[in-house]
C-alpha cells in the first residue's frame, strides 16, 4: 500500500490518540503481550505521546516517559505493517528528538530487539557502561491483571 506521505499526521495531542487501537497493537507485541487496556490508558496519560494518524486512523505511535528535565525512556514505538516503508518511523523519531519538552536531557534510553539501525541515526548507542545499569524485569507482569 503506497499512500502519499503528506497525508499522515503526527500529533502529540492526547485527545486524538485512539487508545483502543494502541492497546490492540501493544497487547500483541513481543514487549507487552497481554497488556491490559487500563495499563495502556495509564501509560498514555503519564507520558509524552506521538500518534501517527491517517485521517482518524491510528497507524503508529510512540511514547516517552520523562521528567522533562534530565531523563527520558522511549517506549512503544510502532507503525502498523500496512503503513511501513514510507519513512514514518523516521518522522516519529524526528518529532521525538525535536520536541520542546525533551531538550537538554542528560540521558534517554530505549530497548529494542530489531530496530537498532533506526535509533542509531538519532544518536542511540549500546550502553557505555552496562555494568552500572540494573533492572527489575517482570516479563509476565500482565498475566496477573
N, C-alpha and C. Protein backbone atom coordinates (compact mmCIF):
# COMPACT_ATOMS: atom_id res chain seq x y z
N UNK A 1 0.85 -1.16 0.00
CA UNK A 1 0.00 0.00 0.00
C UNK A 1 0.90 1.23 0.00
N UNK A 2 0.75 2.08 -0.98
CA UNK A 2 1.52 3.32 -1.02
C UNK A 2 0.56 4.49 -0.90
N UNK A 3 0.78 5.28 0.12
CA UNK A 3 -0.07 6.44 0.38
C UNK A 3 0.84 7.65 0.38
N UNK A 4 0.35 8.74 -0.11
CA UNK A 4 1.11 9.98 -0.09
C UNK A 4 1.55 10.26 1.34
N UNK A 5 2.87 10.32 1.59
CA UNK A 5 3.35 10.52 2.95
C UNK A 5 2.84 11.81 3.60
N UNK A 6 2.46 12.78 2.81
CA UNK A 6 1.95 14.04 3.36
C UNK A 6 0.55 13.89 3.95
N UNK A 7 -0.11 12.77 3.66
CA UNK A 7 -1.44 12.55 4.22
C UNK A 7 -1.39 12.08 5.67
N UNK A 8 -0.20 11.67 6.11
CA UNK A 8 -0.04 11.25 7.51
C UNK A 8 0.21 12.46 8.37
N UNK A 9 -0.33 12.42 9.56
CA UNK A 9 -0.12 13.49 10.53
C UNK A 9 0.46 12.88 11.80
N UNK A 10 1.41 13.58 12.38
CA UNK A 10 1.93 13.16 13.68
C UNK A 10 1.49 14.21 14.68
N UNK A 11 0.82 13.74 15.72
CA UNK A 11 0.26 14.64 16.72
C UNK A 11 0.72 14.24 18.12
N UNK A 12 0.82 15.23 18.98
CA UNK A 12 1.08 14.97 20.40
C UNK A 12 -0.15 15.29 21.24
N UNK A 13 -1.25 15.57 20.59
CA UNK A 13 -2.50 15.89 21.29
C UNK A 13 -3.08 14.61 21.90
N UNK A 14 -3.08 14.50 23.22
CA UNK A 14 -3.56 13.26 23.85
C UNK A 14 -5.02 12.94 23.54
N UNK A 15 -5.83 13.93 23.23
CA UNK A 15 -7.24 13.68 22.93
C UNK A 15 -7.43 13.02 21.57
N UNK A 16 -6.39 13.02 20.76
CA UNK A 16 -6.51 12.43 19.42
C UNK A 16 -5.93 11.02 19.34
N UNK A 17 -5.41 10.50 20.44
CA UNK A 17 -4.88 9.14 20.45
C UNK A 17 -6.04 8.16 20.53
N UNK A 18 -6.02 7.16 19.68
CA UNK A 18 -7.03 6.11 19.70
C UNK A 18 -6.52 5.01 20.64
N UNK A 19 -6.87 5.15 21.90
CA UNK A 19 -6.33 4.26 22.93
C UNK A 19 -6.69 2.81 22.64
N UNK A 20 -7.87 2.56 22.16
CA UNK A 20 -8.27 1.18 21.85
C UNK A 20 -7.39 0.59 20.75
N UNK A 21 -7.09 1.37 19.73
CA UNK A 21 -6.23 0.90 18.64
C UNK A 21 -4.80 0.68 19.13
N UNK A 22 -4.31 1.59 19.95
CA UNK A 22 -2.97 1.45 20.51
C UNK A 22 -2.90 0.18 21.36
N UNK A 23 -3.91 -0.01 22.21
CA UNK A 23 -3.96 -1.22 23.04
C UNK A 23 -4.00 -2.47 22.19
N UNK A 24 -4.82 -2.47 21.14
CA UNK A 24 -4.94 -3.65 20.28
C UNK A 24 -3.58 -4.05 19.72
N UNK A 25 -2.78 -3.06 19.33
CA UNK A 25 -1.46 -3.37 18.79
C UNK A 25 -0.51 -3.82 19.90
N UNK A 26 -0.41 -3.02 20.95
CA UNK A 26 0.57 -3.31 22.00
C UNK A 26 0.33 -4.65 22.68
N UNK A 27 -0.92 -5.05 22.81
CA UNK A 27 -1.23 -6.30 23.51
C UNK A 27 -0.76 -7.52 22.72
N UNK A 28 -0.36 -7.33 21.46
CA UNK A 28 0.11 -8.42 20.62
C UNK A 28 1.62 -8.38 20.37
N UNK A 29 2.32 -7.40 20.94
CA UNK A 29 3.75 -7.24 20.67
C UNK A 29 4.60 -8.16 21.54
N UNK A 30 5.86 -8.31 21.14
CA UNK A 30 6.78 -9.11 21.94
C UNK A 30 7.12 -8.43 23.26
N UNK A 31 6.99 -7.10 23.32
CA UNK A 31 7.42 -6.40 24.54
C UNK A 31 6.30 -6.18 25.55
N UNK A 32 5.06 -6.33 25.15
CA UNK A 32 3.97 -6.15 26.14
C UNK A 32 2.78 -7.06 25.84
N UNK A 33 3.02 -8.35 25.65
CA UNK A 33 1.90 -9.25 25.33
C UNK A 33 0.88 -9.27 26.45
N UNK A 34 -0.37 -9.11 26.08
CA UNK A 34 -1.45 -9.20 27.06
C UNK A 34 -1.61 -7.99 27.94
N UNK A 35 -0.97 -6.89 27.61
CA UNK A 35 -1.08 -5.69 28.45
C UNK A 35 -2.55 -5.26 28.55
N UNK A 36 -3.03 -5.03 29.75
CA UNK A 36 -4.43 -4.62 29.91
C UNK A 36 -4.68 -3.20 29.39
N UNK A 37 -5.89 -2.96 28.93
CA UNK A 37 -6.28 -1.63 28.45
C UNK A 37 -6.05 -0.58 29.53
N UNK A 38 -6.36 -0.89 30.77
CA UNK A 38 -6.20 0.10 31.85
C UNK A 38 -4.74 0.51 32.03
N UNK A 39 -3.81 -0.39 31.78
CA UNK A 39 -2.38 -0.07 31.88
C UNK A 39 -1.97 0.83 30.73
N UNK A 40 -2.46 0.54 29.53
CA UNK A 40 -2.16 1.40 28.37
C UNK A 40 -2.73 2.80 28.61
N UNK A 41 -3.94 2.88 29.12
CA UNK A 41 -4.54 4.19 29.41
C UNK A 41 -3.68 4.98 30.39
N UNK A 42 -3.22 4.34 31.44
CA UNK A 42 -2.39 4.99 32.45
C UNK A 42 -1.04 5.40 31.88
N UNK A 43 -0.46 4.54 31.05
CA UNK A 43 0.84 4.83 30.44
C UNK A 43 0.74 6.05 29.52
N UNK A 44 -0.31 6.11 28.73
CA UNK A 44 -0.51 7.25 27.83
C UNK A 44 -0.73 8.53 28.62
N UNK A 45 -1.52 8.45 29.67
CA UNK A 45 -1.82 9.64 30.48
C UNK A 45 -0.58 10.21 31.15
N UNK A 46 0.42 9.39 31.38
CA UNK A 46 1.60 9.81 32.12
C UNK A 46 2.86 9.87 31.25
N UNK A 47 2.69 10.04 29.96
CA UNK A 47 3.82 10.09 29.03
C UNK A 47 3.60 11.20 28.00
N UNK A 48 4.67 11.56 27.31
CA UNK A 48 4.57 12.43 26.14
C UNK A 48 4.38 11.48 24.96
N UNK A 49 3.22 11.57 24.30
CA UNK A 49 2.87 10.60 23.26
C UNK A 49 2.87 11.24 21.88
N UNK A 50 3.19 10.41 20.89
CA UNK A 50 3.24 10.82 19.49
C UNK A 50 2.38 9.83 18.71
N UNK A 51 1.28 10.31 18.14
CA UNK A 51 0.40 9.45 17.37
C UNK A 51 0.55 9.73 15.89
N UNK A 52 0.63 8.68 15.10
CA UNK A 52 0.65 8.81 13.64
C UNK A 52 -0.75 8.49 13.15
N UNK A 53 -1.35 9.47 12.49
CA UNK A 53 -2.73 9.34 12.03
C UNK A 53 -2.81 9.44 10.52
N UNK A 54 -3.67 8.62 9.95
CA UNK A 54 -4.07 8.74 8.56
C UNK A 54 -5.56 9.01 8.62
N UNK A 55 -5.92 10.28 8.47
CA UNK A 55 -7.30 10.68 8.77
C UNK A 55 -7.52 10.50 10.25
N UNK A 56 -8.50 9.66 10.61
CA UNK A 56 -8.76 9.39 12.02
C UNK A 56 -8.19 8.05 12.46
N UNK A 57 -7.52 7.34 11.56
CA UNK A 57 -6.98 6.01 11.87
C UNK A 57 -5.61 6.13 12.51
N UNK A 58 -5.44 5.49 13.67
CA UNK A 58 -4.16 5.45 14.36
C UNK A 58 -3.31 4.38 13.69
N UNK A 59 -2.23 4.79 13.01
CA UNK A 59 -1.39 3.83 12.28
C UNK A 59 0.01 3.71 12.88
N UNK A 60 0.32 4.55 13.86
CA UNK A 60 1.62 4.48 14.50
C UNK A 60 1.57 5.20 15.83
N UNK A 61 2.63 4.98 16.61
CA UNK A 61 2.62 5.51 17.97
C UNK A 61 4.03 5.45 18.54
N UNK A 62 4.29 6.33 19.47
CA UNK A 62 5.49 6.28 20.33
C UNK A 62 5.15 7.05 21.58
N UNK A 63 5.79 6.67 22.67
CA UNK A 63 5.61 7.46 23.89
C UNK A 63 6.94 7.58 24.60
N UNK A 64 7.07 8.68 25.32
CA UNK A 64 8.29 8.96 26.07
C UNK A 64 7.91 9.18 27.53
N UNK A 65 8.48 8.37 28.38
CA UNK A 65 8.33 8.51 29.82
C UNK A 65 9.46 9.41 30.28
N UNK A 66 9.14 10.53 30.93
CA UNK A 66 10.17 11.51 31.22
C UNK A 66 9.84 12.41 32.40
N UNK A 67 10.88 12.95 33.01
CA UNK A 67 10.70 14.01 33.99
C UNK A 67 10.80 15.39 33.33
N UNK A 68 11.07 15.40 32.02
CA UNK A 68 11.16 16.62 31.21
C UNK A 68 12.30 17.53 31.64
N UNK A 69 13.26 16.98 32.38
CA UNK A 69 14.38 17.79 32.85
C UNK A 69 15.72 17.08 32.64
N UNK A 70 15.78 15.79 33.02
CA UNK A 70 17.07 15.09 32.99
C UNK A 70 17.04 13.75 32.29
N UNK A 71 15.88 13.10 32.23
CA UNK A 71 15.84 11.70 31.79
C UNK A 71 14.58 11.41 31.00
N UNK A 72 14.72 10.48 30.04
CA UNK A 72 13.56 10.01 29.28
C UNK A 72 13.79 8.56 28.87
N UNK A 73 12.70 7.85 28.71
CA UNK A 73 12.72 6.47 28.21
C UNK A 73 11.73 6.40 27.05
N UNK A 74 12.24 6.05 25.89
CA UNK A 74 11.42 5.92 24.68
C UNK A 74 10.82 4.52 24.65
N UNK A 75 9.51 4.45 24.46
CA UNK A 75 8.82 3.16 24.54
C UNK A 75 7.71 3.05 23.50
N UNK A 76 7.31 1.82 23.24
CA UNK A 76 6.09 1.51 22.47
C UNK A 76 6.07 2.13 21.07
N UNK A 77 7.21 2.19 20.43
CA UNK A 77 7.28 2.75 19.08
C UNK A 77 6.80 1.70 18.08
N UNK A 78 5.82 2.06 17.27
CA UNK A 78 5.37 1.14 16.22
C UNK A 78 4.71 1.88 15.07
N UNK A 79 4.73 1.24 13.92
CA UNK A 79 3.95 1.64 12.75
C UNK A 79 3.27 0.36 12.26
N UNK A 80 1.97 0.43 12.02
CA UNK A 80 1.25 -0.75 11.52
C UNK A 80 1.90 -1.24 10.23
N UNK A 81 1.93 -2.55 10.09
CA UNK A 81 2.63 -3.18 8.96
C UNK A 81 2.20 -2.61 7.61
N UNK A 82 0.93 -2.36 7.41
CA UNK A 82 0.43 -1.85 6.12
C UNK A 82 0.95 -0.45 5.80
N UNK A 83 1.52 0.22 6.78
CA UNK A 83 1.97 1.61 6.58
C UNK A 83 3.49 1.74 6.69
N UNK A 84 4.18 0.62 6.81
CA UNK A 84 5.64 0.65 6.92
C UNK A 84 6.27 0.91 5.55
N UNK A 85 7.52 1.31 5.57
CA UNK A 85 8.26 1.53 4.33
C UNK A 85 8.03 2.91 3.73
N UNK A 86 7.43 3.81 4.49
CA UNK A 86 7.14 5.15 4.00
C UNK A 86 7.82 6.23 4.83
N UNK A 87 8.79 5.82 5.64
CA UNK A 87 9.54 6.78 6.43
C UNK A 87 8.84 7.26 7.68
N UNK A 88 7.77 6.60 8.09
CA UNK A 88 7.02 7.07 9.26
C UNK A 88 7.80 6.91 10.56
N UNK A 89 8.58 5.85 10.70
CA UNK A 89 9.38 5.70 11.90
C UNK A 89 10.38 6.84 12.04
N UNK A 90 11.00 7.21 10.93
CA UNK A 90 11.92 8.35 10.97
C UNK A 90 11.18 9.64 11.28
N UNK A 91 9.99 9.81 10.75
CA UNK A 91 9.21 11.02 11.06
C UNK A 91 8.84 11.07 12.54
N UNK A 92 8.48 9.93 13.11
CA UNK A 92 8.19 9.89 14.55
C UNK A 92 9.44 10.31 15.32
N UNK A 93 10.56 9.70 14.98
CA UNK A 93 11.80 9.99 15.71
C UNK A 93 12.22 11.44 15.51
N UNK A 94 12.02 12.00 14.34
CA UNK A 94 12.33 13.42 14.13
C UNK A 94 11.53 14.27 15.11
N UNK A 95 10.27 13.94 15.29
CA UNK A 95 9.41 14.69 16.20
C UNK A 95 9.81 14.48 17.66
N UNK A 96 10.18 13.25 18.00
CA UNK A 96 10.60 12.96 19.38
C UNK A 96 11.83 13.79 19.73
N UNK A 97 12.86 13.73 18.90
CA UNK A 97 14.10 14.42 19.25
C UNK A 97 13.97 15.94 19.18
N UNK A 98 12.98 16.45 18.47
CA UNK A 98 12.77 17.89 18.36
C UNK A 98 11.77 18.44 19.38
N UNK A 99 11.08 17.56 20.10
CA UNK A 99 10.02 18.01 21.00
C UNK A 99 10.59 18.95 22.07
N UNK A 100 9.97 20.10 22.28
CA UNK A 100 10.50 21.09 23.22
C UNK A 100 10.67 20.58 24.65
N UNK A 101 9.81 19.68 25.10
CA UNK A 101 9.91 19.18 26.47
C UNK A 101 10.97 18.10 26.63
N UNK A 102 11.62 17.72 25.53
CA UNK A 102 12.62 16.66 25.58
C UNK A 102 14.01 17.18 25.24
N UNK A 103 14.21 18.47 25.37
CA UNK A 103 15.51 19.08 25.07
C UNK A 103 16.35 19.18 26.33
N UNK A 104 17.66 19.04 26.17
CA UNK A 104 18.58 19.23 27.28
C UNK A 104 18.63 18.09 28.28
N UNK A 105 18.05 16.95 27.92
CA UNK A 105 18.06 15.80 28.83
C UNK A 105 19.47 15.22 28.94
N UNK A 106 19.82 14.75 30.09
CA UNK A 106 21.13 14.12 30.28
C UNK A 106 21.16 12.71 29.68
N UNK A 107 20.04 12.01 29.74
CA UNK A 107 20.03 10.63 29.23
C UNK A 107 18.65 10.27 28.70
N UNK A 108 18.66 9.56 27.56
CA UNK A 108 17.44 8.96 27.02
C UNK A 108 17.78 7.50 26.72
N UNK A 109 16.95 6.61 27.18
CA UNK A 109 17.14 5.18 26.97
C UNK A 109 16.01 4.61 26.14
N UNK A 110 16.25 3.44 25.60
CA UNK A 110 15.21 2.64 24.96
C UNK A 110 15.67 1.20 24.95
N UNK A 111 14.75 0.32 24.68
CA UNK A 111 15.06 -1.10 24.50
C UNK A 111 14.44 -1.51 23.17
N UNK A 112 15.20 -2.25 22.37
CA UNK A 112 14.68 -2.73 21.09
C UNK A 112 15.30 -4.08 20.76
N UNK A 113 14.53 -4.89 20.08
CA UNK A 113 15.04 -6.19 19.64
C UNK A 113 15.57 -6.10 18.23
N UNK A 114 14.99 -5.19 17.41
CA UNK A 114 15.30 -5.28 15.98
C UNK A 114 15.39 -3.95 15.24
N UNK A 115 15.40 -2.82 15.92
CA UNK A 115 15.41 -1.53 15.21
C UNK A 115 16.64 -0.69 15.55
N UNK A 116 17.75 -1.35 15.83
CA UNK A 116 18.97 -0.64 16.20
C UNK A 116 19.41 0.37 15.15
N UNK A 117 19.30 0.01 13.88
CA UNK A 117 19.75 0.91 12.81
C UNK A 117 18.95 2.21 12.79
N UNK A 118 17.65 2.13 13.02
CA UNK A 118 16.82 3.33 13.07
C UNK A 118 17.30 4.24 14.20
N UNK A 119 17.40 3.69 15.39
CA UNK A 119 17.73 4.51 16.55
C UNK A 119 19.16 5.04 16.52
N UNK A 120 20.06 4.31 15.90
CA UNK A 120 21.45 4.77 15.78
C UNK A 120 21.51 6.09 15.00
N UNK A 121 20.59 6.28 14.05
CA UNK A 121 20.54 7.54 13.29
C UNK A 121 20.25 8.74 14.18
N UNK A 122 19.73 8.49 15.38
CA UNK A 122 19.37 9.56 16.30
C UNK A 122 20.30 9.60 17.52
N UNK A 123 21.45 8.97 17.39
CA UNK A 123 22.47 9.04 18.42
C UNK A 123 22.42 7.96 19.48
N UNK A 124 21.47 7.05 19.40
CA UNK A 124 21.41 5.97 20.38
C UNK A 124 22.56 4.99 20.12
N UNK A 125 23.18 4.52 21.19
CA UNK A 125 24.30 3.58 21.12
C UNK A 125 24.09 2.52 22.19
N UNK A 126 24.83 1.40 22.08
CA UNK A 126 24.79 0.45 23.18
C UNK A 126 25.24 1.14 24.47
N UNK A 127 24.80 0.64 25.59
CA UNK A 127 25.16 1.24 26.87
C UNK A 127 26.67 1.38 26.99
N UNK A 128 27.10 2.58 27.37
CA UNK A 128 28.52 2.83 27.53
C UNK A 128 29.10 2.15 28.76
N UNK A 129 28.30 1.96 29.76
CA UNK A 129 28.73 1.31 31.00
C UNK A 129 27.63 0.38 31.48
N UNK A 130 27.43 -0.72 30.78
CA UNK A 130 26.32 -1.61 31.16
C UNK A 130 26.45 -2.15 32.58
N UNK A 131 27.67 -2.18 33.11
CA UNK A 131 27.86 -2.67 34.47
C UNK A 131 27.27 -1.72 35.51
N UNK A 132 26.94 -0.49 35.09
CA UNK A 132 26.31 0.47 36.00
C UNK A 132 24.79 0.40 35.96
N UNK A 133 24.25 -0.25 34.96
CA UNK A 133 22.80 -0.30 34.78
C UNK A 133 22.26 -1.58 35.42
N UNK A 134 21.10 -1.45 36.04
CA UNK A 134 20.42 -2.59 36.63
C UNK A 134 18.95 -2.50 36.26
N UNK A 135 18.26 -3.59 36.38
CA UNK A 135 16.85 -3.58 36.06
C UNK A 135 16.08 -4.56 36.93
N UNK A 136 14.81 -4.27 37.08
CA UNK A 136 13.83 -5.23 37.57
C UNK A 136 12.98 -5.51 36.35
N UNK A 137 12.98 -6.73 35.89
CA UNK A 137 12.25 -7.09 34.68
C UNK A 137 11.24 -8.17 35.02
N UNK A 138 9.98 -7.87 34.77
CA UNK A 138 8.89 -8.81 35.04
C UNK A 138 8.15 -9.08 33.74
N UNK A 139 8.66 -9.98 32.91
CA UNK A 139 8.04 -10.20 31.60
C UNK A 139 6.61 -10.71 31.66
N UNK A 140 6.21 -11.27 32.75
CA UNK A 140 4.84 -11.80 32.87
C UNK A 140 3.97 -10.94 33.76
N UNK A 141 4.31 -9.68 33.93
CA UNK A 141 3.59 -8.79 34.84
C UNK A 141 2.11 -8.67 34.51
N UNK A 142 1.74 -8.77 33.27
CA UNK A 142 0.35 -8.55 32.88
C UNK A 142 -0.51 -9.80 33.00
N UNK A 143 0.08 -10.93 33.27
CA UNK A 143 -0.68 -12.15 33.41
C UNK A 143 -1.55 -12.13 34.66
N UNK A 144 -1.15 -11.38 35.67
CA UNK A 144 -1.89 -11.31 36.94
C UNK A 144 -3.07 -10.35 36.87
N UNK A 145 -3.08 -9.43 35.90
CA UNK A 145 -4.15 -8.42 35.85
C UNK A 145 -5.35 -8.92 35.10
